[in-house]
Protein backbone atom coordinates (compact mmCIF):
# COMPACT_ATOMS: atom_id res chain seq x y z
CA UNK A 1 47.82 102.88 114.06
CA UNK A 2 49.26 105.25 111.45
CA UNK A 3 52.21 104.00 109.41
CA UNK A 4 54.43 106.72 110.94
CA UNK A 5 53.71 105.32 114.41
CA UNK A 6 54.62 101.82 113.25
CA UNK A 7 57.86 103.16 111.82
CA UNK A 8 58.69 104.89 115.10
CA UNK A 9 58.14 101.73 117.16
CA UNK A 10 59.64 99.15 114.81
CA UNK A 11 62.27 100.95 112.71
CA UNK A 12 60.64 99.66 109.49
CA UNK A 13 59.16 101.48 106.51
CA UNK A 14 57.31 99.51 103.81
CA UNK A 15 56.60 100.59 100.26
CA UNK A 16 53.05 99.26 100.75
CA UNK A 17 51.19 99.01 104.07
CA UNK A 18 48.15 97.22 102.60
CA UNK A 19 48.28 93.92 100.69
CA UNK A 20 46.38 93.69 97.37
CA UNK A 21 43.05 91.95 97.90
CA UNK A 22 43.00 90.17 94.51
CA UNK A 23 45.32 89.05 91.73
CA UNK A 24 44.03 91.85 89.50
CA UNK A 25 44.96 94.44 92.13
CA UNK A 26 48.34 92.77 92.60
CA UNK A 27 49.01 92.94 88.84
CA UNK A 28 48.22 96.65 88.85
CA UNK A 29 50.80 97.41 91.55
CA UNK A 30 53.64 99.25 89.82
CA UNK A 31 55.96 99.78 92.80
CA UNK A 32 57.29 96.41 94.07
CA UNK A 33 56.98 95.42 97.70
CA UNK A 34 60.00 96.35 99.79
CA UNK A 35 61.09 97.31 103.27
CA UNK A 36 63.61 99.86 104.52
CA UNK A 37 65.22 98.97 107.85
CA UNK A 38 66.91 101.45 110.21
CA UNK A 39 69.58 99.48 112.13
CA UNK A 40 70.35 100.62 115.70
CA UNK A 41 67.28 102.89 115.73
CA UNK A 42 66.63 104.35 119.19
CA UNK A 43 63.22 102.90 120.09
CA UNK A 44 61.94 103.80 123.59
CA UNK A 45 61.13 100.73 125.66
CA UNK A 46 62.70 98.24 123.25
CA UNK A 47 63.96 95.20 125.18
CA UNK A 48 67.58 94.07 124.93
CA UNK A 49 67.79 90.31 125.50
CA UNK A 50 71.03 88.98 127.07
CA UNK A 51 71.01 85.64 125.23
CA UNK A 52 71.32 84.11 121.79
CA UNK A 53 68.34 84.38 119.40
CA UNK A 54 66.40 81.20 118.64
CA UNK A 55 66.70 80.49 114.91
CA UNK A 56 64.76 78.25 112.54
CA UNK A 57 66.78 75.20 111.54
CA UNK A 58 65.44 75.51 107.99
CA UNK A 59 65.77 79.15 106.91
CA UNK A 60 67.58 80.67 109.96
CA UNK A 61 64.71 83.10 110.62
CA UNK A 62 64.50 84.27 114.24
CA UNK A 63 61.65 83.38 116.60
CA UNK A 64 59.10 86.24 116.53
CA UNK A 65 55.50 87.05 117.61
CA UNK A 66 54.06 85.90 114.26
CA UNK A 67 55.25 82.30 114.67
CA UNK A 68 52.77 79.60 115.72
CA UNK A 69 53.64 78.04 119.08
CA UNK A 70 52.63 74.66 120.53
CA UNK A 71 53.06 75.16 124.28
CA UNK A 72 52.31 71.50 125.03
CA UNK A 73 54.81 69.98 122.62
CA UNK A 74 57.27 72.86 123.08
CA UNK A 75 57.39 73.40 119.30
CA UNK A 76 57.24 76.55 117.22
CA UNK A 77 56.51 76.79 113.48
CA UNK A 78 58.48 79.26 111.36
CA UNK A 79 56.26 81.84 109.67
CA UNK A 80 58.57 81.96 106.63
CA UNK A 81 59.30 78.34 105.69
CA UNK A 82 56.76 76.54 107.97
CA UNK A 83 59.54 74.42 109.47
CA UNK A 84 58.70 72.84 112.85
CA UNK A 85 61.36 73.62 115.47
CA UNK A 86 61.96 72.43 119.01
CA UNK A 87 62.49 75.07 121.69
CA UNK A 88 65.89 74.92 123.46
CA UNK A 89 66.03 73.64 127.03
CA UNK A 90 66.01 77.10 128.63
CA UNK A 91 62.52 77.61 127.13
CA UNK A 92 61.06 74.59 128.93
CA UNK A 93 58.86 76.70 131.24
CA UNK A 94 57.13 78.82 128.60
CA UNK A 95 53.33 78.90 128.52
CA UNK A 96 50.54 81.17 127.33
CA UNK A 97 50.90 83.18 130.54
CA UNK A 98 54.72 83.03 130.64
CA UNK A 99 56.10 84.18 127.29
CA UNK A 100 59.67 85.16 126.43
CA UNK A 101 60.09 88.74 125.24
CA UNK A 102 60.49 87.78 121.57
CA UNK A 103 56.92 86.38 121.53
CA UNK A 104 55.20 89.49 122.92
CA UNK A 105 52.95 90.99 120.19
CA UNK A 106 54.11 94.55 120.93
CA UNK A 107 57.81 93.63 120.70
CA UNK A 108 58.12 93.29 116.93
CA UNK A 109 61.63 94.81 117.07
CA UNK A 110 64.11 93.75 119.75
CA UNK A 111 67.87 93.54 120.16
CA UNK A 112 70.08 90.70 121.37
CA UNK A 113 73.21 91.36 123.41
CA UNK A 114 75.44 88.46 122.41
CA UNK A 115 78.68 87.82 124.25
CA UNK A 116 81.04 87.15 121.38
CA UNK A 117 84.70 88.06 121.09
CA UNK A 118 85.81 89.45 117.76
CA UNK A 119 89.22 89.21 116.17
CA UNK A 120 90.41 91.94 113.84
CA UNK A 121 89.69 89.73 110.84
CA UNK A 122 86.01 89.42 111.82
CA UNK A 123 85.33 93.11 112.45
CA UNK A 124 82.74 94.71 110.15
CA UNK A 125 84.23 96.66 107.24
CA UNK A 126 82.79 99.68 105.45
CA UNK A 127 84.33 100.61 102.10
CA UNK A 128 83.14 104.00 100.81
CA UNK A 129 83.20 104.40 97.00
CA UNK A 130 82.70 108.10 96.26
CA UNK A 131 81.82 109.78 92.96
CA UNK A 132 83.68 113.07 92.28
CA UNK A 133 81.77 114.00 89.10
CA UNK A 134 79.75 116.50 91.12
CA UNK A 135 79.52 120.24 91.59
CA UNK A 136 81.63 121.91 94.28
CA UNK A 137 78.58 122.38 96.50
CA UNK A 138 77.47 118.76 96.13
CA UNK A 139 80.95 117.44 96.84
CA UNK A 140 81.30 119.60 99.95
CA UNK A 141 77.93 118.40 101.22
CA UNK A 142 78.98 114.81 100.56
CA UNK A 143 82.19 115.30 102.56
CA UNK A 144 80.22 116.66 105.51
CA UNK A 145 77.83 113.71 105.35
CA UNK A 146 80.69 111.19 105.24
CA UNK A 147 82.33 112.84 108.26
CA UNK A 148 79.07 112.56 110.17
CA UNK A 149 78.71 108.92 109.11
CA UNK A 150 82.22 108.08 110.29
CA UNK A 151 81.53 109.67 113.68
CA UNK A 152 78.59 107.29 114.16
CA UNK A 153 80.52 104.09 113.36
CA UNK A 154 82.05 101.98 116.16
CA UNK A 155 85.71 102.82 116.72
CA UNK A 156 86.67 99.20 116.03
CA UNK A 157 84.93 99.07 112.61
CA UNK A 158 87.21 98.89 109.58
CA UNK A 159 86.84 101.68 107.01
CA UNK A 160 88.34 102.41 103.59
CA UNK A 161 87.95 104.98 100.83
CA UNK A 162 87.87 104.81 97.02
CA UNK A 163 87.13 107.89 94.91
CA UNK A 164 86.42 107.89 91.19
CA UNK A 165 85.68 110.12 88.26
CA UNK A 166 87.28 109.33 84.92
CA UNK A 167 89.90 107.28 86.83
CA UNK A 168 89.69 105.30 90.07
CA UNK A 169 91.80 106.15 93.14
CA UNK A 170 92.27 103.73 96.04
CA UNK A 171 93.39 105.71 99.09
CA UNK A 172 96.02 104.03 101.25
CA UNK A 173 94.97 105.46 104.59
CA UNK A 174 97.48 103.29 106.46
CA UNK A 175 100.37 105.30 104.97
CA UNK A 176 100.75 108.14 107.46
CA UNK A 177 103.76 109.98 106.03
CA UNK A 178 101.75 111.71 103.27
CA UNK A 179 98.52 111.22 101.28
CA UNK A 180 98.93 108.18 99.03
CA UNK A 181 96.60 106.71 96.42
CA UNK A 182 96.78 103.97 93.78
CA UNK A 183 95.20 104.97 90.45
CA UNK A 184 93.42 102.61 88.02
CA UNK A 185 92.19 103.37 84.53
CA UNK A 186 88.45 103.78 84.29
CA UNK A 187 87.94 102.61 80.71
CA UNK A 188 88.55 98.90 81.23
CA UNK A 189 87.25 96.10 83.42
CA UNK A 190 89.71 95.20 86.15
CA UNK A 191 89.81 91.67 87.52
CA UNK A 192 90.20 90.92 91.21
CA UNK A 193 93.62 89.39 90.61
CA UNK A 194 94.85 92.51 88.80
CA UNK A 195 93.56 94.76 91.58
CA UNK A 196 95.28 92.71 94.26
CA UNK A 197 98.50 92.47 92.26
CA UNK A 198 98.71 96.22 91.63
CA UNK A 199 97.93 97.00 95.27
CA UNK A 200 100.40 94.38 96.47
CA UNK A 201 97.82 92.42 98.44
CA UNK A 202 97.35 89.32 96.29
CA UNK A 203 98.29 85.67 96.85
CA UNK A 204 100.72 83.65 94.74
CA UNK A 205 99.41 80.36 96.01
CA UNK A 206 97.65 78.82 98.97
CA UNK A 207 98.25 81.12 101.91
CA UNK A 208 101.32 82.76 100.30
CA UNK A 209 101.09 86.56 99.92
CA UNK A 210 102.50 88.25 96.85
CA UNK A 211 105.85 90.04 96.88
CA UNK A 212 104.12 93.39 97.38
CA UNK A 213 102.20 92.13 100.39
CA UNK A 214 105.38 90.66 101.89
CA UNK A 215 107.21 93.94 101.35
CA UNK A 216 104.53 95.83 103.26
CA UNK A 217 104.66 93.35 106.12
CA UNK A 218 101.00 92.41 105.86
CA UNK A 219 99.72 89.59 108.01
CA UNK A 220 97.39 87.00 106.61
CA UNK A 221 95.48 83.93 107.60
CA UNK A 222 93.01 83.18 110.39
CA UNK A 223 95.48 84.03 113.12
CA UNK A 224 96.62 87.30 111.56
CA UNK A 225 94.97 90.70 111.33
CA UNK A 226 92.65 89.84 108.45
CA UNK A 227 93.41 89.95 104.74
CA UNK A 228 96.73 91.38 103.48
CA UNK A 229 95.10 94.76 102.73
CA UNK A 230 93.95 95.32 106.32
CA UNK A 231 96.31 97.85 107.87
CA UNK A 232 96.87 99.61 104.55
CA UNK A 233 93.53 100.18 102.82
CA UNK A 234 91.16 99.18 105.63
CA UNK A 235 91.81 100.36 109.20
CA UNK A 236 89.76 100.74 112.39
CA UNK A 237 88.14 104.14 112.71
CA UNK A 238 90.15 104.86 115.86
CA UNK A 239 93.46 104.36 114.00
CA UNK A 240 92.81 106.23 110.75
CA UNK A 241 90.63 109.16 111.73
CA UNK A 242 93.24 111.79 110.81
CA UNK A 243 94.35 110.06 107.58
CA UNK A 244 90.76 109.56 106.44
CA UNK A 245 89.88 113.17 107.26
CA UNK A 246 92.87 114.32 105.20
CA UNK A 247 91.86 112.11 102.27
CA UNK A 248 88.32 113.50 102.34
CA UNK A 249 89.59 117.06 102.55
CA UNK A 250 91.82 116.50 99.48
CA UNK A 251 88.94 115.23 97.33
CA UNK A 252 88.22 117.58 94.44
CA UNK A 253 85.76 117.62 91.57
CA UNK A 254 86.78 115.37 88.66
CA UNK A 255 89.60 117.31 86.98
CA UNK A 256 89.54 115.53 83.62
CA UNK A 257 88.47 117.92 80.82
CA UNK A 258 84.85 117.75 79.69
CA UNK A 259 83.89 118.73 76.16
CA UNK A 260 81.12 121.23 75.62
CA UNK A 261 77.79 119.46 75.28
CA UNK A 262 79.06 116.31 76.94
CA UNK A 263 78.76 114.74 80.38
CA UNK A 264 81.59 113.85 82.72
CA UNK A 265 83.22 110.49 82.02
CA UNK A 266 82.03 108.67 85.13
CA UNK A 267 83.77 105.27 85.60
CA UNK A 268 81.36 103.73 88.09
CA UNK A 269 81.84 100.18 86.76
CA UNK A 270 85.62 100.28 87.03
CA UNK A 271 85.37 101.69 90.56
CA UNK A 272 83.10 98.84 91.61
CA UNK A 273 85.46 96.28 90.04
CA UNK A 274 88.34 97.68 92.09
CA UNK A 275 86.23 97.84 95.27
CA UNK A 276 85.03 94.23 94.94
CA UNK A 277 88.59 93.05 94.29
CA UNK A 278 89.84 94.92 97.35
CA UNK A 279 87.15 93.43 99.60
CA UNK A 280 87.84 89.94 98.26
CA UNK A 281 91.39 90.27 99.53
CA UNK A 282 90.83 92.24 102.74
CA UNK A 283 87.67 90.44 103.87
CA UNK A 284 87.95 86.93 102.40
CA UNK A 285 85.92 83.83 103.08
CA UNK A 286 87.63 81.43 105.48
CA UNK A 287 86.84 77.74 106.12
CA UNK A 288 85.00 77.27 109.41
CA UNK A 289 82.32 75.19 111.08
CA UNK A 290 80.25 78.13 112.32
CA UNK A 291 78.60 80.74 110.13
CA UNK A 292 79.95 83.80 111.92
CA UNK A 293 77.78 86.20 109.96
CA UNK A 294 74.48 84.53 110.87
CA UNK A 295 75.50 83.07 114.21
CA UNK A 296 74.27 79.57 113.39
CA UNK A 297 75.79 76.22 112.52
CA UNK A 298 77.15 75.63 109.05
CA UNK A 299 74.63 73.76 106.92
CA UNK A 300 77.06 72.55 104.26
CA UNK A 301 79.67 70.72 106.31
CA UNK A 302 83.25 71.73 106.97
CA UNK A 303 83.78 73.02 103.43
CA UNK A 304 81.41 75.97 103.96
CA UNK A 305 83.23 79.33 103.88
CA UNK A 306 81.72 82.13 105.97
CA UNK A 307 83.00 85.59 105.16
CA UNK A 308 84.14 88.64 107.06
CA UNK A 309 81.16 91.05 107.22
CA UNK A 310 81.67 93.97 104.82
CA UNK A 311 79.59 96.67 103.14
CA UNK A 312 80.52 98.39 99.89
CA UNK A 313 78.84 101.82 100.06
CA UNK A 314 78.59 103.45 96.62
CA UNK A 315 77.75 107.17 96.55
CA UNK A 316 77.09 108.13 92.93
CA UNK A 317 75.95 111.42 91.40
CA UNK A 318 74.77 110.18 88.03
CA UNK A 319 74.79 107.32 85.51
CA UNK A 320 77.92 105.44 84.48
CA UNK A 321 79.15 106.97 81.20
CA UNK A 322 82.66 105.56 80.88
CA UNK A 323 84.21 102.11 80.78
CA UNK A 324 82.56 98.85 81.87
CA UNK A 325 78.98 99.08 83.07
CA UNK A 326 78.17 102.12 80.91
CA UNK A 327 74.43 102.83 80.79
CA UNK A 328 74.52 106.22 79.03
CA UNK A 329 76.82 107.98 76.55
CA UNK A 330 78.60 111.25 77.31
CA UNK A 331 76.73 113.24 74.65
CA UNK A 332 73.98 115.25 76.38
CA UNK A 333 71.70 114.70 73.38
CA UNK A 334 71.51 111.03 74.35
CA UNK A 335 68.87 110.51 77.01
CA UNK A 336 68.92 107.77 79.61
CA UNK A 337 66.82 104.72 78.73
CA UNK A 338 63.19 104.57 79.82
CA UNK A 339 60.79 101.69 80.42
CA UNK A 340 59.56 102.03 76.83
CA UNK A 341 63.11 101.53 75.59
CA UNK A 342 63.27 98.26 77.49
CA UNK A 343 59.97 97.11 76.01
CA UNK A 344 61.08 97.99 72.48
CA UNK A 345 64.58 96.53 73.01
CA UNK A 346 66.03 99.98 72.28
CA UNK A 347 68.33 100.31 75.31
CA UNK A 348 71.65 99.82 73.56
CA UNK A 349 73.82 99.64 76.69
CA UNK A 350 71.45 97.44 78.70
CA UNK A 351 72.53 93.88 77.89
CA UNK A 352 76.25 94.53 78.25
CA UNK A 353 75.78 96.52 81.47
CA UNK A 354 73.45 93.88 82.90
CA UNK A 355 76.02 91.15 82.29
CA UNK A 356 78.76 93.24 83.94
CA UNK A 357 76.79 94.18 87.06
CA UNK A 358 75.40 90.65 87.41
CA UNK A 359 78.96 89.29 87.52
CA UNK A 360 79.88 91.82 90.22
CA UNK A 361 76.79 90.86 92.20
CA UNK A 362 77.71 87.20 91.96
CA UNK A 363 81.18 87.92 93.34
CA UNK A 364 79.77 89.96 96.21
CA UNK A 365 77.20 87.30 97.01
CA UNK A 366 79.80 84.54 96.88
CA UNK A 367 81.88 86.36 99.48
CA UNK A 368 78.90 87.29 101.68
CA UNK A 369 79.31 91.04 101.17
CA UNK A 370 76.68 93.76 100.71
CA UNK A 371 76.56 96.79 98.42
CA UNK A 372 74.50 99.89 99.21
CA UNK A 373 73.86 102.40 96.40
CA UNK A 374 73.17 106.05 97.24
CA UNK A 375 72.06 107.54 93.90
CA UNK A 376 71.16 110.99 92.64
CA UNK A 377 67.80 110.15 91.09
CA UNK A 378 65.55 107.12 90.71
CA UNK A 379 65.73 107.14 86.90
CA UNK A 380 69.56 106.94 86.91
């Protein structure tokens, strides 16, 4: 079967479709192994199972056709961690001639229809972080793409918008009277506390919103409508379609002056600092027994803190040249670092930028959030 046929029937694309046959061949592989997944891909004939997935008690991997099954002992062995797992009671009648759909060899991709009620605080959130250091044509194409993306999201999904160039603008799409944005400087690292304080969505103490959050009437806590920024900076698609469309329409190319022979001052690092701080407040971790994100029991006792599912979607048109996380200077005579520069320890921005982005990644990971990067070129 050609790899394109596999992609059409499974929704997966791998960087390599053949494993190296020896260690020497593996050492010669330059491109690392990876997989690109297309969620919600329309696959003809794909089964939709009306029950909960069976997960490994060790690594939480889902039962699949590659797992070893003992039909006599009613045990299956995880293909990832080799943990032995008992089948649940409703699988008591399985046999080699009576297999559940998830064990069929030709059903490598399936969907589960889980009956689960969602509160507003547990709805998935999508925060778009958009670079405006582009040409007019590129920015217009980006707007059209974002509009198409928004039309494909569920109406109940929470969305938000941050734009950046030399400064960072957080668009308050919940303010319907007129377009409103909060502006942050792009030349300095901004802590989560400072972001929440300036936006009026922080906490003074345990469960107590700041004065700004109280003034806006934000609701907080497990019984409220999510974090204090939900309703102002993150809203369901069905409630903010017009405001978000207006914010996108008002986006213009970075207006800060650019010297001849220099690049735009692109404050990508500051924009990410603001975005992470906003998500930490709007989609916080909350104490619970069940891991809502993975649908399985908490493995660390009652102190485990599952998070509200959220994606930070960064659309960037070039390297960061301004503020924290800078990887390239504004002078066009300075070229972006290459692999040889890393080997010779000649990448002057690398160590500082690595420390900055690692700290952001740690914060995202600690809150259970994901960041997608849509970049202009692989070498940037």
